Amino acid sequence: AVTISGADSVMKYLARSRPERELLGQSFYDQSNVESWTWWCKCELAPTTQKVAKMIFTGRKLPGEESTSAVIDLETALNTLETFLEGKKYFVGTDVTLVDISISAALLPLYRTYFDQEERNRYPNIMKWLGHCFSIKEFKDELGVVHPCVEKQAPFNPTQTQE
């Protein structure tokens, strides 16, 4: 038996096992864009969203300047996404790809806890795209109905001291 490990490897294996779904892209050009954006998600977006989510769920700052840096990095990443998604229904091509799955998964915890109405208004392209993703049958089958944050949870309590 062969064992496949690592989220990227498993995602690509599953995508290649169903080539008719074209989750890796429809053309070589699309496939290279899928690769680029999934790499960006893995290296830039996901670590940042994980840090901010950690602060939200624990109510604690990260060591040193990491808390401030994480919030700034999140805003930078969101601005990148917002600009890129202008006028787009999907990240790459004309249908869902691994990029849509990866990035929506990275943003999901913050969509539920951090993106209140004010934040959603700042990023209308991202929110439109996320709303579309979350309305797709396969997303709904896996996630259920995804509700946005009503009251923003702060990334950390600035008055709490580190132990």
Protein backbone atom coordinates (compact mmCIF):
# COMPACT_ATOMS: atom_id res chain seq x y z
CA ALA A 1 0.00 0.00 0.00
CA VAL A 2 1.14 3.51 -0.81
CA THR A 3 0.71 6.25 1.77
CA ILE A 4 0.18 9.86 0.70
CA SER A 5 0.73 12.54 3.30
CA GLY A 6 0.61 16.31 3.38
CA ALA A 7 -2.46 18.36 2.55
CA ASP A 8 -1.11 19.54 -0.82
CA SER A 9 -0.20 16.03 -1.93
CA VAL A 10 -3.56 14.63 -0.89
CA MET A 11 -5.46 17.47 -2.61
CA LYS A 12 -3.54 17.02 -5.85
CA TYR A 13 -3.92 13.24 -5.72
CA LEU A 14 -7.67 13.56 -5.29
CA ALA A 15 -7.89 16.19 -8.05
CA ARG A 16 -5.91 13.99 -10.44
CA SER A 17 -8.09 11.00 -9.60
CA ARG A 18 -11.08 12.90 -11.03
CA PRO A 19 -9.63 14.68 -14.09
CA GLU A 20 -13.10 15.39 -15.48
CA ARG A 21 -13.60 17.89 -12.63
CA GLU A 22 -10.59 19.91 -13.85
CA LEU A 23 -9.74 21.00 -10.30
CA LEU A 24 -6.15 21.58 -11.41
CA GLY A 25 -7.27 23.84 -14.29
CA GLN A 26 -8.52 23.39 -17.83
CA SER A 27 -5.36 24.39 -19.72
CA PHE A 28 -1.62 24.39 -19.06
CA TYR A 29 -1.89 28.12 -18.39
CA ASP A 30 -4.70 27.57 -15.88
CA GLN A 31 -2.75 24.74 -14.27
CA SER A 32 0.28 26.99 -13.74
CA ASN A 33 -1.99 29.64 -12.17
CA VAL A 34 -3.58 27.01 -9.92
CA GLU A 35 -0.09 25.96 -8.84
CA SER A 36 0.98 29.57 -8.19
CA TRP A 37 -2.10 30.51 -6.18
CA THR A 38 -2.15 27.30 -4.13
CA TRP A 39 1.52 27.91 -3.30
CA TRP A 40 0.70 31.51 -2.31
CA CYS A 41 -2.14 30.26 -0.14
CA LYS A 42 0.09 27.70 1.55
CA CYS A 43 3.02 30.08 2.13
CA GLU A 44 1.35 33.47 2.64
CA LEU A 45 -2.36 33.32 3.37
CA ALA A 46 -2.82 30.17 5.45
CA PRO A 47 -0.05 30.90 7.98
CA THR A 48 -1.40 34.42 8.45
CA THR A 49 -5.03 33.35 8.88
CA GLN A 50 -3.91 30.63 11.29
CA LYS A 51 -2.07 33.17 13.45
CA VAL A 52 -5.03 35.54 13.56
CA ALA A 53 -7.43 32.66 14.26
CA LYS A 54 -5.15 31.46 17.06
CA MET A 55 -5.31 34.90 18.67
CA ILE A 56 -9.10 34.95 18.33
CA PHE A 57 -9.65 31.48 19.73
CA THR A 58 -7.17 31.79 22.59
CA GLY A 59 -7.76 35.49 23.31
CA ARG A 60 -3.99 35.91 23.65
CA LYS A 61 -1.28 37.82 21.86
CA LEU A 62 1.47 36.03 19.99
CA PRO A 63 5.06 36.50 21.23
CA GLY A 64 6.78 39.83 20.59
CA GLU A 65 5.53 41.78 17.60
CA GLU A 66 3.97 38.72 15.92
CA SER A 67 0.41 39.80 16.78
CA THR A 68 0.70 43.18 15.09
CA SER A 69 2.60 41.64 12.20
CA ALA A 70 -0.07 38.95 11.71
CA VAL A 71 -2.89 41.52 11.50
CA ILE A 72 -0.88 43.65 9.04
CA ASP A 73 -0.02 40.55 6.96
CA LEU A 74 -3.69 39.57 6.92
CA GLU A 75 -4.70 42.98 5.63
CA THR A 76 -2.00 42.81 2.94
CA ALA A 77 -3.16 39.35 1.85
CA LEU A 78 -6.81 40.43 1.80
CA ASN A 79 -5.93 43.46 -0.32
CA THR A 80 -4.12 41.17 -2.77
CA LEU A 81 -7.17 38.90 -2.99
CA GLU A 82 -9.59 41.83 -3.27
CA THR A 83 -7.70 43.33 -6.20
CA PHE A 84 -7.26 40.00 -7.98
CA LEU A 85 -10.91 38.98 -7.64
CA GLU A 86 -12.25 42.17 -9.27
CA GLY A 87 -14.74 40.95 -11.89
CA LYS A 88 -13.94 37.26 -11.34
CA LYS A 89 -16.26 34.43 -10.36
CA TYR A 90 -13.40 31.96 -9.79
CA PHE A 91 -9.69 32.39 -9.18
CA VAL A 92 -8.63 30.50 -12.28
CA GLY A 93 -10.68 29.76 -15.37
CA THR A 94 -14.41 29.29 -15.52
CA ASP A 95 -15.02 26.74 -12.77
CA VAL A 96 -13.93 25.76 -9.27
CA THR A 97 -10.29 24.74 -8.91
CA LEU A 98 -8.06 23.78 -5.99
CA VAL A 99 -7.33 27.49 -5.56
CA ASP A 100 -10.96 28.25 -4.73
CA ILE A 101 -11.04 25.33 -2.31
CA SER A 102 -7.70 26.18 -0.65
CA ILE A 103 -8.28 29.90 -0.22
CA SER A 104 -11.88 29.57 0.93
CA ALA A 105 -10.76 26.96 3.48
CA ALA A 106 -8.02 29.30 4.72
CA LEU A 107 -10.52 32.15 5.10
CA LEU A 108 -13.40 30.13 6.60
CA PRO A 109 -12.50 30.50 10.31
CA LEU A 110 -12.14 34.27 9.91
CA TYR A 111 -15.33 34.50 7.86
CA ARG A 112 -17.16 33.03 10.83
CA THR A 113 -15.40 35.01 13.58
CA TYR A 114 -13.66 38.12 12.26
CA PHE A 115 -15.32 39.36 9.06
CA ASP A 116 -18.21 41.32 10.55
CA GLN A 117 -20.31 43.59 8.32
CA GLU A 118 -17.72 46.37 8.47
CA GLU A 119 -14.92 44.02 7.36
CA ARG A 120 -17.13 42.45 4.68
CA ASN A 121 -17.84 45.94 3.30
CA ARG A 122 -14.08 46.56 2.98
CA TYR A 123 -13.67 43.46 0.80
CA PRO A 124 -16.72 43.17 -1.46
CA ASN A 125 -14.98 41.09 -4.14
CA ILE A 126 -13.73 38.54 -1.62
CA MET A 127 -17.14 38.34 0.04
CA LYS A 128 -18.96 37.92 -3.27
CA TRP A 129 -16.53 35.16 -4.25
CA LEU A 130 -16.77 33.44 -0.84
CA GLY A 131 -20.57 33.65 -0.94
CA HIS A 132 -20.52 32.00 -4.35
CA CYS A 133 -18.12 29.26 -3.18
CA PHE A 134 -20.16 28.56 -0.07
CA SER A 135 -23.32 28.25 -2.19
CA ILE A 136 -21.85 25.51 -4.42
CA LYS A 137 -23.44 22.14 -3.71
CA GLU A 138 -20.17 20.35 -2.92
CA PHE A 139 -19.14 23.09 -0.49
CA LYS A 140 -22.55 22.98 1.20
CA ASP A 141 -22.44 19.19 1.38
CA GLU A 142 -19.12 19.39 3.22
CA LEU A 143 -19.55 22.56 5.29
CA GLY A 144 -23.28 22.94 5.67
CA VAL A 145 -24.65 26.46 5.49
CA VAL A 146 -21.84 28.89 6.28
CA HIS A 147 -22.96 31.96 8.18
CA PRO A 148 -20.82 35.08 8.30
CA CYS A 149 -19.66 36.68 11.51
CA VAL A 150 -22.26 38.88 13.17
CA GLU A 151 -20.07 40.38 15.89
CA LYS A 152 -16.36 40.60 15.23
CA GLN A 153 -14.15 38.83 17.71
CA ALA A 154 -10.96 40.80 18.32
CA PRO A 155 -7.75 39.03 17.32
CA PHE A 156 -6.50 39.34 20.88
CA ASN A 157 -7.15 41.06 24.15
CA PRO A 158 -4.50 43.81 24.32
CA THR A 159 -4.91 44.16 28.10
CA GLN A 160 -4.10 40.49 28.75
CA THR A 161 -0.53 39.87 29.86
CA GLN A 162 1.69 37.13 28.53
CA GLU A 163 2.63 34.35 30.94
